[in-house]
């Protein structure tokens, strides 16, 4: 059985939005796992998994876009999606601005390479809005 994973984009004003992967739980479309980077260019970024994350608590500010179908077994707690996310290193400290979608793009590439999602997930990312 498969389940849909999503890209979540949160408005960041005139700057590029905050991108994450949202994996809804099997029994709720609004509750699930939120995989994203947190930090800033001055201090660097780190990977964060928010489990039991309720997308409703964002006051509707998250733009949810279906990304790909994955096997149910790959979406359980401490799963292959998390393992792949740990392979894709967050950007280090830098004087340059960080494009929030670049880590998601590299993460999706790794998911494709590992055979967890279809290559069509790239078109979803390319068509997703950068600024909301």
N, C-alpha and C. Protein backbone atom coordinates (compact mmCIF):
# COMPACT_ATOMS: atom_id res chain seq x y z
N UNK A 1 0.85 -1.18 0.00
CA UNK A 1 0.00 0.00 0.00
C UNK A 1 0.89 1.24 0.00
N UNK A 2 0.47 2.28 -0.72
CA UNK A 2 1.27 3.50 -0.77
C UNK A 2 0.59 4.64 -0.02
N UNK A 3 1.39 5.64 0.27
CA UNK A 3 0.89 6.84 0.94
C UNK A 3 1.54 8.05 0.29
N UNK A 4 0.82 9.16 0.23
CA UNK A 4 1.34 10.38 -0.38
C UNK A 4 2.19 11.15 0.62
N UNK A 5 3.38 11.58 0.18
CA UNK A 5 4.16 12.54 0.96
C UNK A 5 4.06 13.88 0.25
N UNK A 6 4.25 14.95 0.98
CA UNK A 6 3.98 16.29 0.48
C UNK A 6 5.15 17.23 0.70
N UNK A 7 5.17 18.29 -0.11
CA UNK A 7 6.03 19.43 0.15
C UNK A 7 5.17 20.43 0.90
N UNK A 8 5.67 20.99 1.97
CA UNK A 8 4.99 22.04 2.70
C UNK A 8 5.82 23.31 2.53
N UNK A 9 5.17 24.37 2.06
CA UNK A 9 5.86 25.65 1.89
C UNK A 9 5.13 26.67 2.76
N UNK A 10 5.88 27.31 3.65
CA UNK A 10 5.32 28.32 4.54
C UNK A 10 5.79 29.69 4.09
N UNK A 11 4.87 30.63 4.05
CA UNK A 11 5.20 31.99 3.62
C UNK A 11 6.28 32.60 4.51
N UNK A 12 7.17 33.32 3.87
CA UNK A 12 8.26 34.01 4.56
C UNK A 12 8.32 35.45 4.06
N UNK A 13 7.14 36.05 3.85
CA UNK A 13 7.07 37.41 3.34
C UNK A 13 7.56 37.47 1.90
N UNK A 14 8.37 38.46 1.60
CA UNK A 14 8.90 38.65 0.24
C UNK A 14 10.06 37.70 -0.06
N UNK A 15 10.58 37.04 0.97
CA UNK A 15 11.69 36.10 0.77
C UNK A 15 11.15 34.73 0.40
N UNK A 16 12.03 33.84 -0.12
CA UNK A 16 11.57 32.48 -0.43
C UNK A 16 10.96 31.81 0.79
N UNK A 17 9.92 31.02 0.55
CA UNK A 17 9.23 30.34 1.63
C UNK A 17 10.08 29.27 2.29
N UNK A 18 9.63 28.82 3.48
CA UNK A 18 10.29 27.74 4.21
C UNK A 18 9.75 26.43 3.67
N UNK A 19 10.63 25.55 3.20
CA UNK A 19 10.24 24.28 2.60
C UNK A 19 10.47 23.13 3.56
N UNK A 20 9.58 22.15 3.51
CA UNK A 20 9.70 20.95 4.34
C UNK A 20 9.02 19.79 3.62
N UNK A 21 9.28 18.60 4.11
CA UNK A 21 8.54 17.42 3.66
C UNK A 21 7.56 17.08 4.78
N UNK A 22 6.29 16.94 4.42
CA UNK A 22 5.25 16.59 5.38
C UNK A 22 4.72 15.21 5.04
N UNK A 23 4.78 14.30 6.02
CA UNK A 23 4.30 12.93 5.85
C UNK A 23 3.10 12.74 6.76
N UNK A 24 1.88 12.79 6.20
CA UNK A 24 0.70 12.61 7.05
C UNK A 24 0.66 11.21 7.65
N UNK A 25 0.10 11.11 8.84
CA UNK A 25 -0.05 9.79 9.45
C UNK A 25 -1.11 9.01 8.69
N UNK A 26 -1.17 7.71 8.90
CA UNK A 26 -2.09 6.84 8.16
C UNK A 26 -3.55 7.19 8.43
N UNK A 27 -3.85 7.74 9.61
CA UNK A 27 -5.24 8.00 9.96
C UNK A 27 -5.61 9.48 9.99
N UNK A 28 -4.73 10.37 9.53
CA UNK A 28 -5.03 11.80 9.53
C UNK A 28 -4.28 12.51 8.41
N UNK A 29 -4.98 13.35 7.68
CA UNK A 29 -4.31 14.10 6.61
C UNK A 29 -3.63 15.36 7.13
N UNK A 30 -3.91 15.75 8.39
CA UNK A 30 -3.33 16.97 8.93
C UNK A 30 -2.30 16.73 10.03
N UNK A 31 -2.17 15.49 10.48
CA UNK A 31 -1.22 15.15 11.54
C UNK A 31 -0.17 14.23 10.96
N UNK A 32 1.10 14.46 11.31
CA UNK A 32 2.13 13.58 10.78
C UNK A 32 3.52 14.04 11.13
N UNK A 33 4.46 13.73 10.23
CA UNK A 33 5.88 14.04 10.45
C UNK A 33 6.28 15.20 9.56
N UNK A 34 7.04 16.13 10.11
CA UNK A 34 7.52 17.33 9.42
C UNK A 34 9.03 17.23 9.39
N UNK A 35 9.62 17.10 8.20
CA UNK A 35 11.07 16.96 8.03
C UNK A 35 11.57 18.24 7.39
N UNK A 36 12.44 18.99 8.11
CA UNK A 36 12.89 20.26 7.58
C UNK A 36 14.23 20.67 8.17
N UNK A 37 14.76 21.76 7.63
CA UNK A 37 15.98 22.36 8.17
C UNK A 37 15.60 23.57 8.99
N UNK A 38 16.36 23.81 10.03
CA UNK A 38 16.19 25.01 10.82
C UNK A 38 17.56 25.64 11.04
N UNK A 39 17.60 26.93 11.22
CA UNK A 39 18.86 27.65 11.39
C UNK A 39 18.91 28.87 10.51
N UNK A 40 20.12 29.35 10.27
CA UNK A 40 20.31 30.51 9.39
C UNK A 40 21.73 30.48 8.83
N UNK A 41 22.02 31.29 7.80
CA UNK A 41 23.35 31.24 7.19
C UNK A 41 24.49 31.58 8.15
N UNK A 42 24.22 32.42 9.13
CA UNK A 42 25.29 32.83 10.06
C UNK A 42 25.71 31.70 10.99
N UNK A 43 24.76 30.86 11.41
CA UNK A 43 25.08 29.79 12.36
C UNK A 43 25.09 28.40 11.72
N UNK A 44 24.56 28.31 10.50
CA UNK A 44 24.44 27.02 9.84
C UNK A 44 23.05 26.44 10.08
N UNK A 45 22.79 25.32 9.45
CA UNK A 45 21.47 24.69 9.52
C UNK A 45 21.59 23.28 10.09
N UNK A 46 20.50 22.79 10.65
CA UNK A 46 20.48 21.40 11.09
C UNK A 46 19.13 20.79 10.76
N UNK A 47 19.13 19.49 10.61
CA UNK A 47 17.95 18.73 10.26
C UNK A 47 17.09 18.53 11.50
N UNK A 48 15.78 18.70 11.32
CA UNK A 48 14.85 18.50 12.44
C UNK A 48 13.67 17.66 11.97
N UNK A 49 13.27 16.70 12.80
CA UNK A 49 12.09 15.88 12.57
C UNK A 49 11.07 16.28 13.63
N UNK A 50 9.92 16.76 13.21
CA UNK A 50 8.85 17.04 14.16
C UNK A 50 7.80 15.95 13.99
N UNK A 51 7.72 15.07 14.96
CA UNK A 51 6.74 13.98 14.91
C UNK A 51 5.44 14.46 15.56
N UNK A 52 4.34 13.87 15.16
CA UNK A 52 3.01 14.26 15.64
C UNK A 52 2.75 15.74 15.40
N UNK A 53 3.25 16.24 14.27
CA UNK A 53 3.09 17.63 13.90
C UNK A 53 1.69 17.83 13.32
N UNK A 54 0.98 18.83 13.81
CA UNK A 54 -0.37 19.12 13.34
C UNK A 54 -0.31 20.31 12.40
N UNK A 55 -0.49 20.07 11.13
CA UNK A 55 -0.39 21.11 10.12
C UNK A 55 -1.48 22.17 10.31
N UNK A 56 -2.56 21.83 11.01
CA UNK A 56 -3.62 22.80 11.28
C UNK A 56 -3.13 23.92 12.20
N UNK A 57 -2.10 23.68 12.99
CA UNK A 57 -1.60 24.69 13.92
C UNK A 57 -0.85 25.83 13.23
N UNK A 58 -0.71 25.76 11.92
CA UNK A 58 -0.01 26.82 11.19
C UNK A 58 -0.98 27.89 10.69
N UNK A 59 -2.22 27.83 11.13
CA UNK A 59 -3.24 28.80 10.73
C UNK A 59 -3.42 28.87 9.22
N UNK A 60 -3.27 27.74 8.57
CA UNK A 60 -3.47 27.69 7.13
C UNK A 60 -2.39 28.36 6.32
N UNK A 61 -1.25 28.67 6.93
CA UNK A 61 -0.18 29.36 6.23
C UNK A 61 0.69 28.40 5.42
N UNK A 62 0.56 27.11 5.64
CA UNK A 62 1.34 26.14 4.88
C UNK A 62 0.63 25.83 3.57
N UNK A 63 1.37 25.87 2.49
CA UNK A 63 0.88 25.48 1.18
C UNK A 63 1.34 24.03 0.99
N UNK A 64 0.40 23.09 0.93
CA UNK A 64 0.73 21.67 0.83
C UNK A 64 0.59 21.21 -0.62
N UNK A 65 1.66 20.60 -1.14
CA UNK A 65 1.67 20.12 -2.52
C UNK A 65 2.04 18.63 -2.49
N UNK A 66 1.17 17.76 -3.01
CA UNK A 66 1.54 16.33 -3.08
C UNK A 66 2.83 16.16 -3.87
N UNK A 67 3.76 15.40 -3.32
CA UNK A 67 5.07 15.21 -3.94
C UNK A 67 5.18 13.85 -4.63
N UNK A 68 4.91 12.79 -3.89
CA UNK A 68 5.12 11.45 -4.44
C UNK A 68 4.41 10.43 -3.56
N UNK A 69 4.27 9.24 -4.12
CA UNK A 69 3.74 8.10 -3.38
C UNK A 69 4.91 7.27 -2.88
N UNK A 70 4.84 6.85 -1.63
CA UNK A 70 5.86 5.96 -1.07
C UNK A 70 5.17 4.76 -0.44
N UNK A 71 5.91 3.68 -0.32
CA UNK A 71 5.36 2.49 0.33
C UNK A 71 5.09 2.80 1.80
N UNK A 72 3.99 2.28 2.29
CA UNK A 72 3.58 2.49 3.68
C UNK A 72 4.72 2.16 4.66
N UNK A 73 5.43 1.08 4.40
CA UNK A 73 6.50 0.65 5.32
C UNK A 73 7.62 1.68 5.41
N UNK A 74 7.73 2.59 4.43
CA UNK A 74 8.80 3.59 4.44
C UNK A 74 8.40 4.89 5.14
N UNK A 75 7.22 4.92 5.78
CA UNK A 75 6.76 6.13 6.44
C UNK A 75 6.56 5.98 7.94
N UNK A 76 6.98 4.87 8.51
CA UNK A 76 6.81 4.67 9.94
C UNK A 76 7.86 5.46 10.72
N UNK A 77 7.67 5.58 12.01
CA UNK A 77 8.61 6.34 12.84
C UNK A 77 10.04 5.83 12.66
N UNK A 78 10.95 6.76 12.57
CA UNK A 78 12.37 6.46 12.38
C UNK A 78 12.55 5.51 11.20
N UNK A 79 12.12 5.99 10.05
CA UNK A 79 11.98 5.18 8.86
C UNK A 79 13.05 5.47 7.81
N UNK A 80 12.86 4.93 6.62
CA UNK A 80 13.81 5.14 5.53
C UNK A 80 13.81 6.59 5.06
N UNK A 81 12.65 7.29 5.13
CA UNK A 81 12.63 8.71 4.76
C UNK A 81 13.56 9.50 5.66
N UNK A 82 13.54 9.21 6.95
CA UNK A 82 14.44 9.89 7.89
C UNK A 82 15.89 9.51 7.62
N UNK A 83 16.11 8.25 7.33
CA UNK A 83 17.48 7.80 7.04
C UNK A 83 18.05 8.54 5.84
N UNK A 84 17.25 8.67 4.78
CA UNK A 84 17.71 9.39 3.59
C UNK A 84 17.93 10.86 3.92
N UNK A 85 17.04 11.46 4.69
CA UNK A 85 17.20 12.88 5.06
C UNK A 85 18.52 13.09 5.80
N UNK A 86 18.95 12.11 6.57
CA UNK A 86 20.22 12.22 7.29
C UNK A 86 21.43 12.13 6.38
N UNK A 87 21.27 11.55 5.20
CA UNK A 87 22.37 11.45 4.24
C UNK A 87 22.64 12.82 3.61
N UNK A 88 21.58 13.58 3.36
CA UNK A 88 21.69 14.87 2.69
C UNK A 88 22.01 15.93 3.75
N UNK A 89 23.25 16.35 3.76
CA UNK A 89 23.72 17.27 4.80
C UNK A 89 23.15 18.68 4.61
N UNK A 90 22.76 19.33 5.70
CA UNK A 90 22.32 20.73 5.62
C UNK A 90 23.50 21.64 5.27
N UNK A 91 23.20 22.82 4.73
CA UNK A 91 24.29 23.73 4.41
C UNK A 91 24.99 24.24 5.66
N UNK A 92 26.30 24.43 5.60
CA UNK A 92 27.04 24.95 6.76
C UNK A 92 26.89 26.47 6.86
N UNK A 93 27.59 27.05 7.82
CA UNK A 93 27.62 28.51 7.95
C UNK A 93 28.11 29.11 6.63
N UNK A 94 27.55 30.25 6.27
CA UNK A 94 27.93 30.88 5.01
C UNK A 94 27.51 32.34 5.00
N UNK A 95 28.31 33.19 4.36
CA UNK A 95 27.89 34.59 4.22
C UNK A 95 26.83 34.75 3.13
N UNK A 96 26.58 33.69 2.37
CA UNK A 96 25.63 33.76 1.26
C UNK A 96 24.24 33.33 1.72
N UNK A 97 23.19 33.90 1.12
CA UNK A 97 21.83 33.47 1.45
C UNK A 97 21.61 32.02 1.05
N UNK A 98 20.68 31.39 1.70
CA UNK A 98 20.36 29.98 1.47
C UNK A 98 19.01 29.89 0.77
N UNK A 99 18.94 29.12 -0.31
CA UNK A 99 17.68 28.87 -1.00
C UNK A 99 17.01 27.67 -0.31
N UNK A 100 15.88 27.90 0.37
CA UNK A 100 15.25 26.82 1.13
C UNK A 100 14.88 25.60 0.31
N UNK A 101 14.63 25.78 -0.98
CA UNK A 101 14.23 24.63 -1.78
C UNK A 101 15.41 23.75 -2.19
N UNK A 102 16.64 24.25 -2.06
CA UNK A 102 17.80 23.48 -2.54
C UNK A 102 18.01 22.20 -1.74
N UNK A 103 17.82 22.24 -0.41
CA UNK A 103 17.97 21.03 0.39
C UNK A 103 16.87 20.03 0.05
N UNK A 104 15.64 20.52 -0.13
CA UNK A 104 14.54 19.62 -0.49
C UNK A 104 14.85 18.96 -1.83
N UNK A 105 15.36 19.73 -2.79
CA UNK A 105 15.69 19.18 -4.10
C UNK A 105 16.75 18.08 -3.98
N UNK A 106 17.79 18.32 -3.19
CA UNK A 106 18.83 17.30 -2.99
C UNK A 106 18.27 16.09 -2.26
N UNK A 107 17.36 16.32 -1.30
CA UNK A 107 16.75 15.22 -0.56
C UNK A 107 15.88 14.37 -1.49
N UNK A 108 15.09 15.02 -2.35
CA UNK A 108 14.26 14.27 -3.29
C UNK A 108 15.14 13.49 -4.26
N UNK A 109 16.26 14.08 -4.70
CA UNK A 109 17.18 13.34 -5.57
C UNK A 109 17.65 12.06 -4.88
N UNK A 110 17.97 12.16 -3.60
CA UNK A 110 18.41 10.98 -2.85
C UNK A 110 17.26 9.97 -2.72
N UNK A 111 16.02 10.45 -2.51
CA UNK A 111 14.87 9.55 -2.43
C UNK A 111 14.67 8.81 -3.75
N UNK A 112 14.88 9.51 -4.87
CA UNK A 112 14.78 8.88 -6.19
C UNK A 112 15.90 7.85 -6.35
N UNK A 113 17.14 8.26 -5.99
CA UNK A 113 18.29 7.35 -6.10
C UNK A 113 18.10 6.08 -5.28
N UNK A 114 17.45 6.21 -4.12
CA UNK A 114 17.21 5.05 -3.24
C UNK A 114 15.99 4.24 -3.68
N UNK A 115 15.26 4.73 -4.68
CA UNK A 115 14.09 4.02 -5.18
C UNK A 115 12.85 4.20 -4.34
N UNK A 116 12.82 5.22 -3.47
CA UNK A 116 11.66 5.43 -2.61
C UNK A 116 10.57 6.23 -3.29
N UNK A 117 10.92 7.14 -4.22
CA UNK A 117 9.92 7.90 -4.96
C UNK A 117 10.28 7.89 -6.44
N UNK A 118 9.29 8.17 -7.26
CA UNK A 118 9.47 8.23 -8.71
C UNK A 118 10.13 9.55 -9.10
N UNK A 119 10.84 9.56 -10.19
CA UNK A 119 11.52 10.75 -10.68
C UNK A 119 10.58 11.89 -11.01
N UNK A 120 9.29 11.62 -11.17
CA UNK A 120 8.33 12.68 -11.46
C UNK A 120 8.20 13.68 -10.31
N UNK A 121 8.72 13.33 -9.14
CA UNK A 121 8.68 14.26 -8.00
C UNK A 121 9.42 15.55 -8.31
N UNK A 122 10.40 15.49 -9.23
CA UNK A 122 11.15 16.71 -9.59
C UNK A 122 10.26 17.76 -10.25
N UNK A 123 9.30 17.32 -11.06
CA UNK A 123 8.42 18.30 -11.69
C UNK A 123 7.55 19.00 -10.66
N UNK A 124 7.19 18.30 -9.59
CA UNK A 124 6.41 18.93 -8.51
C UNK A 124 7.23 20.06 -7.90
N UNK A 125 8.49 19.82 -7.63
CA UNK A 125 9.35 20.84 -7.02
C UNK A 125 9.54 22.00 -7.98
N UNK A 126 9.77 21.72 -9.25
CA UNK A 126 10.00 22.79 -10.21
C UNK A 126 8.79 23.69 -10.38
N UNK A 127 7.59 23.14 -10.23
CA UNK A 127 6.37 23.92 -10.40
C UNK A 127 5.90 24.58 -9.10
N UNK A 128 6.47 24.22 -7.97
CA UNK A 128 6.05 24.77 -6.68
C UNK A 128 6.46 26.25 -6.57
N UNK A 129 5.64 27.08 -5.95
CA UNK A 129 5.99 28.50 -5.81
C UNK A 129 7.16 28.68 -4.84
N UNK A 130 8.06 29.59 -5.17
CA UNK A 130 9.19 29.89 -4.29
C UNK A 130 8.77 30.89 -3.21
N UNK A 131 7.90 31.83 -3.58
CA UNK A 131 7.41 32.85 -2.66
C UNK A 131 5.90 32.76 -2.64
N UNK A 132 5.30 32.75 -1.44
CA UNK A 132 3.84 32.68 -1.33
C UNK A 132 3.28 34.05 -1.05
